[in-house]
N, C-alpha and C. Protein backbone atom coordinates (compact mmCIF):
# COMPACT_ATOMS: atom_id res chain seq x y z
N THR A 1 -68.61 156.92 74.09
CA THR A 1 -67.26 156.51 73.71
C THR A 1 -67.34 155.32 72.78
N ALA A 2 -66.63 155.40 71.69
CA ALA A 2 -66.58 154.29 70.74
C ALA A 2 -65.70 153.20 71.31
N PRO A 3 -65.97 151.94 70.99
CA PRO A 3 -65.11 150.87 71.49
C PRO A 3 -63.70 151.02 70.92
N ALA A 4 -62.71 150.65 71.72
CA ALA A 4 -61.32 150.74 71.29
C ALA A 4 -61.02 149.69 70.26
N ALA A 5 -60.21 150.06 69.27
CA ALA A 5 -59.78 149.11 68.26
C ALA A 5 -58.39 148.64 68.63
N ALA A 6 -58.14 147.38 68.48
CA ALA A 6 -56.82 146.83 68.83
C ALA A 6 -56.11 146.38 67.56
N LEU A 7 -54.83 146.67 67.49
CA LEU A 7 -54.00 146.18 66.40
C LEU A 7 -53.33 144.92 66.92
N ALA A 8 -53.27 143.90 66.13
CA ALA A 8 -52.67 142.66 66.59
C ALA A 8 -51.89 142.02 65.46
N ASP A 9 -50.89 141.21 65.83
CA ASP A 9 -50.18 140.46 64.81
C ASP A 9 -50.90 139.13 64.60
N ALA A 10 -50.33 138.25 63.80
CA ALA A 10 -50.97 136.97 63.48
C ALA A 10 -51.19 136.11 64.72
N ASN A 11 -50.39 136.32 65.75
CA ASN A 11 -50.53 135.55 66.98
C ASN A 11 -51.47 136.22 67.98
N GLY A 12 -52.12 137.32 67.58
CA GLY A 12 -53.04 138.00 68.47
C GLY A 12 -52.37 138.91 69.47
N LEU A 13 -51.10 139.27 69.27
CA LEU A 13 -50.39 140.14 70.20
C LEU A 13 -50.92 141.56 70.07
N GLU A 14 -51.47 142.07 71.12
CA GLU A 14 -52.01 143.43 71.11
C GLU A 14 -50.87 144.41 71.29
N VAL A 15 -50.77 145.39 70.38
CA VAL A 15 -49.68 146.35 70.43
C VAL A 15 -50.17 147.72 70.85
N VAL A 16 -51.19 148.24 70.24
CA VAL A 16 -51.69 149.58 70.54
C VAL A 16 -53.21 149.53 70.57
N GLN A 17 -53.78 150.24 71.51
CA GLN A 17 -55.22 150.42 71.54
C GLN A 17 -55.50 151.88 71.29
N SER A 18 -56.54 152.18 70.53
CA SER A 18 -56.92 153.56 70.33
C SER A 18 -58.43 153.64 70.19
N GLY A 19 -58.98 154.76 70.55
CA GLY A 19 -60.42 154.94 70.44
C GLY A 19 -60.75 156.41 70.32
N VAL A 20 -62.02 156.71 70.12
CA VAL A 20 -62.45 158.10 69.99
C VAL A 20 -63.46 158.39 71.09
N SER A 21 -63.26 159.49 71.79
CA SER A 21 -64.18 159.89 72.84
C SER A 21 -64.43 161.38 72.73
N LYS A 22 -65.66 161.77 72.51
CA LYS A 22 -66.06 163.18 72.42
C LYS A 22 -65.19 163.94 71.42
N GLY A 23 -64.93 163.33 70.28
CA GLY A 23 -64.21 164.02 69.21
C GLY A 23 -62.70 164.02 69.37
N ALA A 24 -62.18 163.50 70.46
CA ALA A 24 -60.72 163.49 70.67
C ALA A 24 -60.18 162.09 70.42
N VAL A 25 -59.05 162.00 69.78
CA VAL A 25 -58.42 160.70 69.55
C VAL A 25 -57.52 160.42 70.74
N MET A 26 -57.68 159.24 71.32
CA MET A 26 -56.86 158.84 72.46
C MET A 26 -56.04 157.63 72.05
N SER A 27 -54.81 157.58 72.49
CA SER A 27 -53.96 156.42 72.22
C SER A 27 -53.36 155.95 73.51
N GLN A 28 -53.20 154.66 73.63
CA GLN A 28 -52.55 154.08 74.79
C GLN A 28 -51.53 153.10 74.26
N VAL A 29 -50.27 153.35 74.55
CA VAL A 29 -49.21 152.46 74.13
C VAL A 29 -48.88 151.57 75.31
N LYS A 30 -48.83 150.29 75.09
CA LYS A 30 -48.56 149.34 76.15
C LYS A 30 -47.15 148.80 76.01
N THR A 31 -46.57 148.43 77.13
CA THR A 31 -45.25 147.82 77.15
C THR A 31 -45.42 146.34 77.46
N TYR A 32 -44.75 145.49 76.69
CA TYR A 32 -44.85 144.05 76.87
C TYR A 32 -43.47 143.47 77.10
N MET A 33 -43.40 142.42 77.88
CA MET A 33 -42.17 141.66 78.07
C MET A 33 -42.35 140.32 77.38
N PHE A 34 -41.32 139.84 76.70
CA PHE A 34 -41.43 138.60 75.95
C PHE A 34 -40.43 137.60 76.48
N ALA A 35 -40.85 136.34 76.53
CA ALA A 35 -40.00 135.27 77.02
C ALA A 35 -39.14 134.68 75.91
N SER A 36 -39.44 135.04 74.65
CA SER A 36 -38.68 134.52 73.53
C SER A 36 -38.55 135.62 72.47
N LEU A 37 -37.90 135.30 71.36
CA LEU A 37 -37.72 136.26 70.29
C LEU A 37 -39.06 136.68 69.70
N VAL A 38 -39.15 137.92 69.28
CA VAL A 38 -40.33 138.43 68.59
C VAL A 38 -39.98 138.46 67.11
N ASP A 39 -40.72 137.74 66.31
CA ASP A 39 -40.45 137.64 64.87
C ASP A 39 -41.18 138.76 64.15
N ILE A 40 -40.40 139.67 63.54
CA ILE A 40 -41.00 140.75 62.76
C ILE A 40 -40.64 140.60 61.28
N SER A 41 -40.43 139.36 60.85
CA SER A 41 -39.96 139.12 59.49
C SER A 41 -41.08 138.88 58.47
N GLY A 42 -42.33 139.01 58.88
CA GLY A 42 -43.44 138.80 57.95
C GLY A 42 -43.39 139.75 56.77
N ALA A 43 -44.14 139.42 55.72
CA ALA A 43 -44.11 140.20 54.48
C ALA A 43 -44.47 141.67 54.69
N SER A 44 -45.35 141.95 55.65
CA SER A 44 -45.73 143.35 55.89
C SER A 44 -45.06 143.89 57.14
N ALA A 45 -44.02 143.22 57.61
CA ALA A 45 -43.34 143.65 58.84
C ALA A 45 -41.86 143.83 58.55
N GLY A 46 -41.03 143.62 59.56
CA GLY A 46 -39.58 143.68 59.38
C GLY A 46 -38.98 145.05 59.56
N GLN A 47 -39.74 146.00 60.07
CA GLN A 47 -39.23 147.34 60.27
C GLN A 47 -39.60 147.82 61.67
N ILE A 48 -38.71 148.61 62.22
CA ILE A 48 -38.99 149.30 63.47
C ILE A 48 -38.89 150.78 63.16
N LYS A 49 -39.92 151.54 63.44
CA LYS A 49 -39.94 152.96 63.10
C LYS A 49 -39.71 153.79 64.35
N PHE A 50 -38.76 154.72 64.24
CA PHE A 50 -38.49 155.67 65.31
C PHE A 50 -39.08 157.02 64.90
N PRO A 51 -39.46 157.87 65.86
CA PRO A 51 -40.00 159.18 65.50
C PRO A 51 -38.92 160.06 64.87
N ALA A 52 -39.35 161.05 64.09
CA ALA A 52 -38.41 161.96 63.43
C ALA A 52 -37.58 162.74 64.44
N THR A 53 -38.18 163.07 65.58
CA THR A 53 -37.47 163.75 66.66
C THR A 53 -37.22 162.74 67.77
N GLN A 54 -35.98 162.63 68.21
CA GLN A 54 -35.63 161.66 69.23
C GLN A 54 -36.45 161.85 70.50
N ASN A 55 -36.88 160.75 71.10
CA ASN A 55 -37.54 160.75 72.40
C ASN A 55 -36.53 160.17 73.37
N PRO A 56 -35.66 161.01 73.97
CA PRO A 56 -34.53 160.50 74.75
C PRO A 56 -34.97 159.73 75.99
N SER A 57 -34.22 158.71 76.31
CA SER A 57 -34.47 157.90 77.49
C SER A 57 -33.24 157.95 78.39
N ALA A 58 -33.47 158.00 79.70
CA ALA A 58 -32.37 157.97 80.66
C ALA A 58 -31.93 156.53 80.94
N ASN A 59 -32.70 155.56 80.50
CA ASN A 59 -32.39 154.17 80.72
C ASN A 59 -31.30 153.73 79.74
N VAL A 60 -30.17 153.27 80.26
CA VAL A 60 -29.04 152.90 79.41
C VAL A 60 -29.33 151.67 78.56
N ASN A 61 -30.38 150.93 78.86
CA ASN A 61 -30.75 149.74 78.10
C ASN A 61 -31.88 150.00 77.10
N THR A 62 -32.19 151.26 76.86
CA THR A 62 -33.26 151.62 75.92
C THR A 62 -32.66 152.25 74.67
N LEU A 63 -32.93 151.65 73.52
CA LEU A 63 -32.52 152.23 72.24
C LEU A 63 -33.57 153.27 71.89
N ASP A 64 -33.19 154.54 71.88
CA ASP A 64 -34.17 155.61 71.70
C ASP A 64 -34.02 156.40 70.42
N ASP A 65 -33.10 155.99 69.53
CA ASP A 65 -32.97 156.73 68.28
C ASP A 65 -32.25 155.89 67.24
N TYR A 66 -32.72 155.99 66.00
CA TYR A 66 -32.07 155.39 64.85
C TYR A 66 -32.38 156.27 63.66
N GLU A 67 -31.36 156.58 62.88
CA GLU A 67 -31.56 157.44 61.71
C GLU A 67 -30.47 157.16 60.69
N GLU A 68 -30.84 157.21 59.42
CA GLU A 68 -29.89 157.10 58.32
C GLU A 68 -30.05 158.34 57.45
N GLY A 69 -28.94 158.82 56.88
CA GLY A 69 -29.07 159.99 56.02
C GLY A 69 -27.78 160.34 55.31
N THR A 70 -27.85 161.43 54.58
CA THR A 70 -26.69 161.95 53.87
C THR A 70 -26.47 163.40 54.29
N TYR A 71 -25.28 163.88 54.05
CA TYR A 71 -24.95 165.28 54.34
C TYR A 71 -23.85 165.72 53.39
N THR A 72 -23.59 167.00 53.37
CA THR A 72 -22.55 167.55 52.50
C THR A 72 -21.40 168.06 53.35
N PRO A 73 -20.30 167.31 53.42
CA PRO A 73 -19.13 167.79 54.17
C PRO A 73 -18.42 168.88 53.38
N GLY A 74 -17.63 169.66 54.07
CA GLY A 74 -16.86 170.71 53.42
C GLY A 74 -15.52 170.88 54.10
N ILE A 75 -14.75 171.82 53.61
CA ILE A 75 -13.44 172.17 54.17
C ILE A 75 -13.44 173.66 54.46
N SER A 76 -12.81 174.02 55.58
CA SER A 76 -12.55 175.44 55.83
C SER A 76 -11.10 175.59 56.26
N PHE A 77 -10.56 176.76 56.04
CA PHE A 77 -9.20 177.09 56.47
C PHE A 77 -9.29 178.32 57.36
N GLY A 78 -8.84 178.20 58.60
CA GLY A 78 -8.93 179.32 59.53
C GLY A 78 -10.37 179.76 59.78
N GLY A 79 -11.32 178.84 59.64
CA GLY A 79 -12.73 179.14 59.88
C GLY A 79 -13.47 179.74 58.69
N ALA A 80 -12.81 179.89 57.55
CA ALA A 80 -13.47 180.46 56.36
C ALA A 80 -13.31 179.51 55.18
N SER A 81 -14.15 179.69 54.18
CA SER A 81 -14.08 178.82 52.99
C SER A 81 -14.24 179.63 51.71
N VAL A 82 -13.57 180.77 51.65
CA VAL A 82 -13.69 181.68 50.51
C VAL A 82 -13.14 181.00 49.24
N GLY A 83 -14.00 180.87 48.24
CA GLY A 83 -13.59 180.36 46.94
C GLY A 83 -13.37 178.86 46.85
N ILE A 84 -13.63 178.10 47.92
CA ILE A 84 -13.43 176.65 47.86
C ILE A 84 -14.56 176.03 47.04
N THR A 85 -14.17 175.19 46.08
CA THR A 85 -15.17 174.46 45.28
C THR A 85 -14.79 172.98 45.26
N TYR A 86 -15.79 172.15 44.95
CA TYR A 86 -15.62 170.71 45.04
C TYR A 86 -16.04 170.02 43.75
N THR A 87 -15.32 168.98 43.41
CA THR A 87 -15.77 168.04 42.40
C THR A 87 -16.74 167.07 43.07
N THR A 88 -16.39 166.67 44.30
CA THR A 88 -17.21 165.74 45.09
C THR A 88 -17.18 166.17 46.55
N ALA A 89 -18.34 166.17 47.19
CA ALA A 89 -18.45 166.39 48.63
C ALA A 89 -19.66 165.58 49.10
N LEU A 90 -19.40 164.34 49.49
CA LEU A 90 -20.48 163.42 49.84
C LEU A 90 -20.25 162.85 51.24
N GLY A 91 -21.32 162.76 52.01
CA GLY A 91 -21.25 162.13 53.31
C GLY A 91 -22.51 161.32 53.57
N SER A 92 -22.36 160.22 54.27
CA SER A 92 -23.51 159.44 54.70
C SER A 92 -23.30 159.01 56.14
N TYR A 93 -24.41 158.81 56.86
CA TYR A 93 -24.31 158.45 58.27
C TYR A 93 -25.43 157.52 58.68
N THR A 94 -25.17 156.81 59.77
CA THR A 94 -26.18 156.03 60.47
C THR A 94 -26.03 156.39 61.94
N LYS A 95 -27.11 156.87 62.56
CA LYS A 95 -27.10 157.21 63.99
C LYS A 95 -27.88 156.12 64.72
N ILE A 96 -27.21 155.47 65.66
CA ILE A 96 -27.83 154.43 66.48
C ILE A 96 -27.65 154.87 67.93
N GLY A 97 -28.75 155.26 68.57
CA GLY A 97 -28.64 155.77 69.94
C GLY A 97 -27.78 157.01 69.96
N ASP A 98 -26.69 156.99 70.75
CA ASP A 98 -25.82 158.16 70.84
C ASP A 98 -24.54 158.01 70.03
N ARG A 99 -24.51 157.09 69.06
CA ARG A 99 -23.34 156.89 68.21
C ARG A 99 -23.67 157.21 66.75
N VAL A 100 -22.73 157.88 66.09
CA VAL A 100 -22.88 158.21 64.68
C VAL A 100 -21.75 157.53 63.91
N LEU A 101 -22.12 156.68 62.96
CA LEU A 101 -21.16 156.06 62.05
C LEU A 101 -21.21 156.88 60.76
N PHE A 102 -20.06 157.28 60.23
CA PHE A 102 -20.07 158.14 59.04
C PHE A 102 -19.01 157.72 58.04
N THR A 103 -19.26 158.05 56.78
CA THR A 103 -18.27 157.96 55.72
C THR A 103 -18.39 159.23 54.89
N GLU A 104 -17.27 159.70 54.38
CA GLU A 104 -17.32 160.90 53.54
C GLU A 104 -16.19 160.89 52.53
N ARG A 105 -16.43 161.58 51.43
CA ARG A 105 -15.43 161.74 50.37
C ARG A 105 -15.43 163.18 49.94
N ILE A 106 -14.24 163.75 49.93
CA ILE A 106 -14.07 165.14 49.48
C ILE A 106 -13.02 165.18 48.39
N VAL A 107 -13.38 165.80 47.26
CA VAL A 107 -12.46 166.03 46.15
C VAL A 107 -12.56 167.52 45.83
N LEU A 108 -11.48 168.26 46.05
CA LEU A 108 -11.48 169.69 45.75
C LEU A 108 -11.28 169.94 44.26
N SER A 109 -11.89 171.01 43.78
CA SER A 109 -11.58 171.49 42.44
C SER A 109 -10.90 172.86 42.52
N ASN A 110 -10.99 173.51 43.71
CA ASN A 110 -10.28 174.76 43.97
C ASN A 110 -10.22 174.93 45.48
N LYS A 111 -9.00 175.11 46.03
CA LYS A 111 -8.86 175.25 47.49
C LYS A 111 -9.17 176.66 47.98
N GLY A 112 -9.45 177.57 47.08
CA GLY A 112 -9.85 178.91 47.47
C GLY A 112 -8.71 179.74 48.03
N SER A 113 -9.06 180.85 48.71
CA SER A 113 -8.06 181.80 49.19
C SER A 113 -7.99 181.91 50.71
N SER A 114 -8.81 181.17 51.44
CA SER A 114 -8.76 181.23 52.91
C SER A 114 -7.47 180.57 53.40
N VAL A 115 -6.99 181.03 54.54
CA VAL A 115 -5.73 180.50 55.09
C VAL A 115 -5.95 180.09 56.54
N GLY A 116 -5.09 179.17 56.99
CA GLY A 116 -5.14 178.74 58.39
C GLY A 116 -5.37 177.24 58.53
N THR A 117 -5.69 176.84 59.75
CA THR A 117 -5.91 175.43 60.10
C THR A 117 -7.08 174.85 59.31
N ALA A 118 -6.89 173.63 58.82
CA ALA A 118 -7.92 172.95 58.02
C ALA A 118 -8.92 172.25 58.92
N LEU A 119 -10.21 172.42 58.62
CA LEU A 119 -11.29 171.72 59.31
C LEU A 119 -12.20 171.06 58.29
N ILE A 120 -12.72 169.88 58.66
CA ILE A 120 -13.83 169.29 57.93
C ILE A 120 -15.09 169.85 58.59
N THR A 121 -16.02 170.32 57.78
CA THR A 121 -17.24 170.93 58.31
C THR A 121 -18.47 170.14 57.86
N GLY A 122 -19.61 170.44 58.48
CA GLY A 122 -20.88 169.93 57.99
C GLY A 122 -21.33 168.59 58.54
N ARG A 123 -20.70 168.09 59.60
CA ARG A 123 -21.17 166.82 60.17
C ARG A 123 -22.62 166.95 60.61
N PRO A 124 -23.41 165.88 60.52
CA PRO A 124 -24.84 165.99 60.79
C PRO A 124 -25.20 166.19 62.26
N PHE A 125 -24.32 165.81 63.19
CA PHE A 125 -24.57 165.96 64.63
C PHE A 125 -23.31 166.43 65.31
N ALA A 126 -23.46 167.24 66.35
CA ALA A 126 -22.30 167.70 67.12
C ALA A 126 -21.70 166.56 67.92
N ASN A 127 -20.39 166.52 67.97
CA ASN A 127 -19.66 165.57 68.81
C ASN A 127 -19.97 165.87 70.27
N GLU A 128 -19.90 164.87 71.13
CA GLU A 128 -20.16 165.09 72.56
C GLU A 128 -19.10 166.03 73.16
N ALA A 129 -19.31 166.46 74.39
CA ALA A 129 -18.54 167.56 74.97
C ALA A 129 -17.20 167.18 75.60
N ASN A 130 -16.86 165.90 75.72
CA ASN A 130 -15.66 165.54 76.47
C ASN A 130 -14.52 164.95 75.67
N ILE A 131 -14.83 164.17 74.64
CA ILE A 131 -13.77 163.48 73.89
C ILE A 131 -13.97 163.72 72.40
N GLY A 132 -12.96 164.24 71.76
CA GLY A 132 -12.99 164.40 70.30
C GLY A 132 -12.52 163.13 69.65
N ALA A 133 -13.44 162.30 69.18
CA ALA A 133 -13.11 160.99 68.62
C ALA A 133 -12.17 161.12 67.43
N VAL A 134 -11.21 160.21 67.35
CA VAL A 134 -10.25 160.15 66.25
C VAL A 134 -10.83 159.22 65.18
N PHE A 135 -10.62 159.55 63.91
CA PHE A 135 -11.14 158.73 62.82
C PHE A 135 -10.13 158.63 61.70
N ALA A 136 -10.36 157.68 60.81
CA ALA A 136 -9.45 157.41 59.71
C ALA A 136 -9.69 158.34 58.54
N ILE A 137 -8.60 158.84 57.98
CA ILE A 137 -8.64 159.54 56.69
C ILE A 137 -7.81 158.70 55.74
N CYS A 138 -8.45 158.20 54.71
CA CYS A 138 -7.82 157.22 53.81
C CYS A 138 -7.58 157.80 52.42
N ALA A 139 -6.62 157.22 51.76
CA ALA A 139 -6.30 157.52 50.36
C ALA A 139 -6.16 159.01 50.07
N PRO A 140 -5.39 159.76 50.91
CA PRO A 140 -5.21 161.17 50.58
C PRO A 140 -4.32 161.33 49.35
N SER A 141 -4.68 162.26 48.47
CA SER A 141 -3.83 162.58 47.33
C SER A 141 -3.92 164.07 47.07
N GLY A 142 -2.89 164.61 46.43
CA GLY A 142 -2.87 166.03 46.12
C GLY A 142 -2.53 166.90 47.33
N PHE A 143 -1.79 166.34 48.30
CA PHE A 143 -1.37 167.09 49.49
C PHE A 143 0.14 167.29 49.46
N THR A 144 0.64 168.29 50.16
CA THR A 144 2.08 168.50 50.30
C THR A 144 2.44 168.41 51.78
N GLY A 145 3.68 168.02 52.05
CA GLY A 145 4.18 167.97 53.43
C GLY A 145 3.71 166.77 54.22
N LEU A 146 3.22 165.73 53.55
CA LEU A 146 2.80 164.53 54.27
C LEU A 146 3.91 163.50 54.25
N THR A 147 4.18 162.91 55.41
CA THR A 147 5.15 161.82 55.47
C THR A 147 4.50 160.52 55.88
N ALA A 148 3.32 160.59 56.50
CA ALA A 148 2.67 159.36 56.99
C ALA A 148 1.16 159.43 56.87
N GLY A 149 0.62 160.12 55.88
CA GLY A 149 -0.82 160.18 55.69
C GLY A 149 -1.50 161.22 56.55
N LEU A 150 -2.79 161.01 56.83
CA LEU A 150 -3.59 161.95 57.62
C LEU A 150 -4.47 161.18 58.60
N VAL A 151 -4.84 161.84 59.68
CA VAL A 151 -5.87 161.33 60.60
C VAL A 151 -6.79 162.51 60.90
N GLY A 152 -7.96 162.20 61.44
CA GLY A 152 -8.90 163.26 61.79
C GLY A 152 -9.27 163.18 63.26
N GLN A 153 -9.66 164.31 63.83
CA GLN A 153 -10.16 164.33 65.20
C GLN A 153 -11.35 165.28 65.28
N ASN A 154 -12.50 164.72 65.71
CA ASN A 154 -13.69 165.54 65.86
C ASN A 154 -13.48 166.61 66.91
N THR A 155 -14.07 167.77 66.69
CA THR A 155 -14.02 168.88 67.63
C THR A 155 -15.13 168.66 68.67
N VAL A 156 -14.80 168.75 69.97
CA VAL A 156 -15.81 168.54 70.99
C VAL A 156 -16.91 169.59 70.87
N SER A 157 -18.14 169.16 71.09
CA SER A 157 -19.34 170.01 71.06
C SER A 157 -19.52 170.76 69.75
N ALA A 158 -19.08 170.18 68.63
CA ALA A 158 -19.16 170.87 67.35
C ALA A 158 -19.39 169.86 66.22
N THR A 159 -19.72 170.37 65.04
CA THR A 159 -19.94 169.54 63.86
C THR A 159 -18.74 169.61 62.91
N THR A 160 -17.58 169.90 63.46
CA THR A 160 -16.35 170.01 62.67
C THR A 160 -15.31 169.01 63.18
N ALA A 161 -14.24 168.85 62.41
CA ALA A 161 -13.13 167.98 62.79
C ALA A 161 -11.84 168.57 62.26
N THR A 162 -10.77 168.42 63.03
CA THR A 162 -9.46 168.86 62.55
C THR A 162 -8.84 167.74 61.72
N ILE A 163 -8.02 168.14 60.77
CA ILE A 163 -7.25 167.21 59.97
C ILE A 163 -5.84 167.26 60.50
N ARG A 164 -5.30 166.11 60.88
CA ARG A 164 -4.00 166.05 61.56
C ARG A 164 -2.98 165.32 60.69
N ILE A 165 -1.74 165.77 60.79
CA ILE A 165 -0.62 165.16 60.08
C ILE A 165 0.28 164.47 61.10
N PRO A 166 0.39 163.13 61.06
CA PRO A 166 1.27 162.43 61.98
C PRO A 166 2.74 162.77 61.70
N ASN A 167 3.51 162.84 62.76
CA ASN A 167 4.96 163.04 62.64
C ASN A 167 5.64 162.25 63.74
N THR A 168 6.95 162.40 63.92
CA THR A 168 7.69 161.59 64.88
C THR A 168 7.38 161.94 66.34
N THR A 169 6.78 163.09 66.60
CA THR A 169 6.48 163.48 67.98
C THR A 169 4.98 163.55 68.27
N GLY A 170 4.15 163.12 67.35
CA GLY A 170 2.70 163.18 67.55
C GLY A 170 2.00 163.57 66.27
N THR A 171 1.20 164.64 66.33
CA THR A 171 0.53 165.15 65.13
C THR A 171 0.54 166.67 65.16
N THR A 172 0.42 167.26 63.98
CA THR A 172 0.24 168.70 63.86
C THR A 172 -1.00 168.95 63.01
N SER A 173 -1.60 170.10 63.15
CA SER A 173 -2.79 170.44 62.37
C SER A 173 -2.42 170.69 60.92
N ALA A 174 -3.19 170.15 60.01
CA ALA A 174 -3.02 170.46 58.59
C ALA A 174 -3.54 171.87 58.35
N ALA A 175 -3.00 172.52 57.35
CA ALA A 175 -3.38 173.90 57.02
C ALA A 175 -3.55 174.03 55.51
N ASP A 176 -3.97 175.21 55.10
CA ASP A 176 -4.17 175.47 53.67
C ASP A 176 -2.93 175.16 52.85
N THR A 177 -1.74 175.36 53.44
CA THR A 177 -0.49 175.13 52.71
C THR A 177 -0.25 173.66 52.39
N ASN A 178 -0.95 172.75 53.08
CA ASN A 178 -0.82 171.32 52.81
C ASN A 178 -1.77 170.85 51.70
N PHE A 179 -2.72 171.69 51.31
CA PHE A 179 -3.72 171.34 50.30
C PHE A 179 -3.35 171.91 48.94
N SER A 180 -3.89 171.26 47.90
CA SER A 180 -3.77 171.77 46.53
C SER A 180 -5.19 171.91 45.98
N ASN A 181 -5.30 172.39 44.76
CA ASN A 181 -6.61 172.52 44.12
C ASN A 181 -7.23 171.16 43.76
N THR A 182 -6.45 170.09 43.93
CA THR A 182 -6.96 168.76 43.60
C THR A 182 -6.88 167.79 44.79
N SER A 183 -6.77 168.30 46.00
CA SER A 183 -6.69 167.43 47.17
C SER A 183 -7.95 166.56 47.27
N THR A 184 -7.72 165.30 47.62
CA THR A 184 -8.78 164.29 47.68
C THR A 184 -8.56 163.43 48.91
N PHE A 185 -9.65 163.06 49.61
CA PHE A 185 -9.54 162.07 50.68
C PHE A 185 -10.90 161.46 50.98
N ASN A 186 -10.85 160.31 51.62
CA ASN A 186 -12.02 159.63 52.15
C ASN A 186 -11.85 159.58 53.67
N ALA A 187 -12.94 159.64 54.39
CA ALA A 187 -12.88 159.53 55.85
C ALA A 187 -14.00 158.63 56.33
N ALA A 188 -13.74 157.94 57.44
CA ALA A 188 -14.74 157.07 58.04
C ALA A 188 -14.47 156.95 59.52
N GLY A 189 -15.53 156.86 60.29
CA GLY A 189 -15.36 156.70 61.73
C GLY A 189 -16.67 156.63 62.47
N VAL A 190 -16.54 156.67 63.80
CA VAL A 190 -17.68 156.63 64.72
C VAL A 190 -17.42 157.68 65.78
N TYR A 191 -18.48 158.41 66.15
CA TYR A 191 -18.33 159.34 67.27
C TYR A 191 -19.59 159.37 68.11
N GLN A 192 -19.43 159.88 69.34
CA GLN A 192 -20.53 159.94 70.29
C GLN A 192 -21.13 161.35 70.29
N VAL A 193 -22.47 161.40 70.38
CA VAL A 193 -23.14 162.70 70.44
C VAL A 193 -23.69 162.95 71.82
């Protein structure tokens, strides 16, 4: 067995030991408790890397996932998107643990021929199964039948969201009839996965 090599920071803090035995690579990750702040601001530091696939933890005090990315949101009417085209369809997100922070912008160039209830599609992660988080839809233009703007509500256990129209008794679902070939909006919010 070859002697184990230790990785250490400038203060000699041992983080990982690894060695080779009979052709197999072995790794041992150690857990440390610190009495003060750990400074990771050095020139070659300052980052915490998470694996590409989440390693879920049952411990509520363990941060087990972080991810940043982009996605392409879309619109469907009655579950279809026949002929819908976009000038802009941009989304970005940051996932921290079980929360997803997102922003998106949709600018239609053709609302197509599908009919029915309007949905935003293409979210990067499915909403959790119990509560469909409500989010802001800002600066809507090119819509008909709006008296007080729009709001959104994520669909439980899905990567879609309904677009809602506030009224004096609550909200109603937006539909193809509320959209034009130039409908535009921005959306932002947070939801649980």
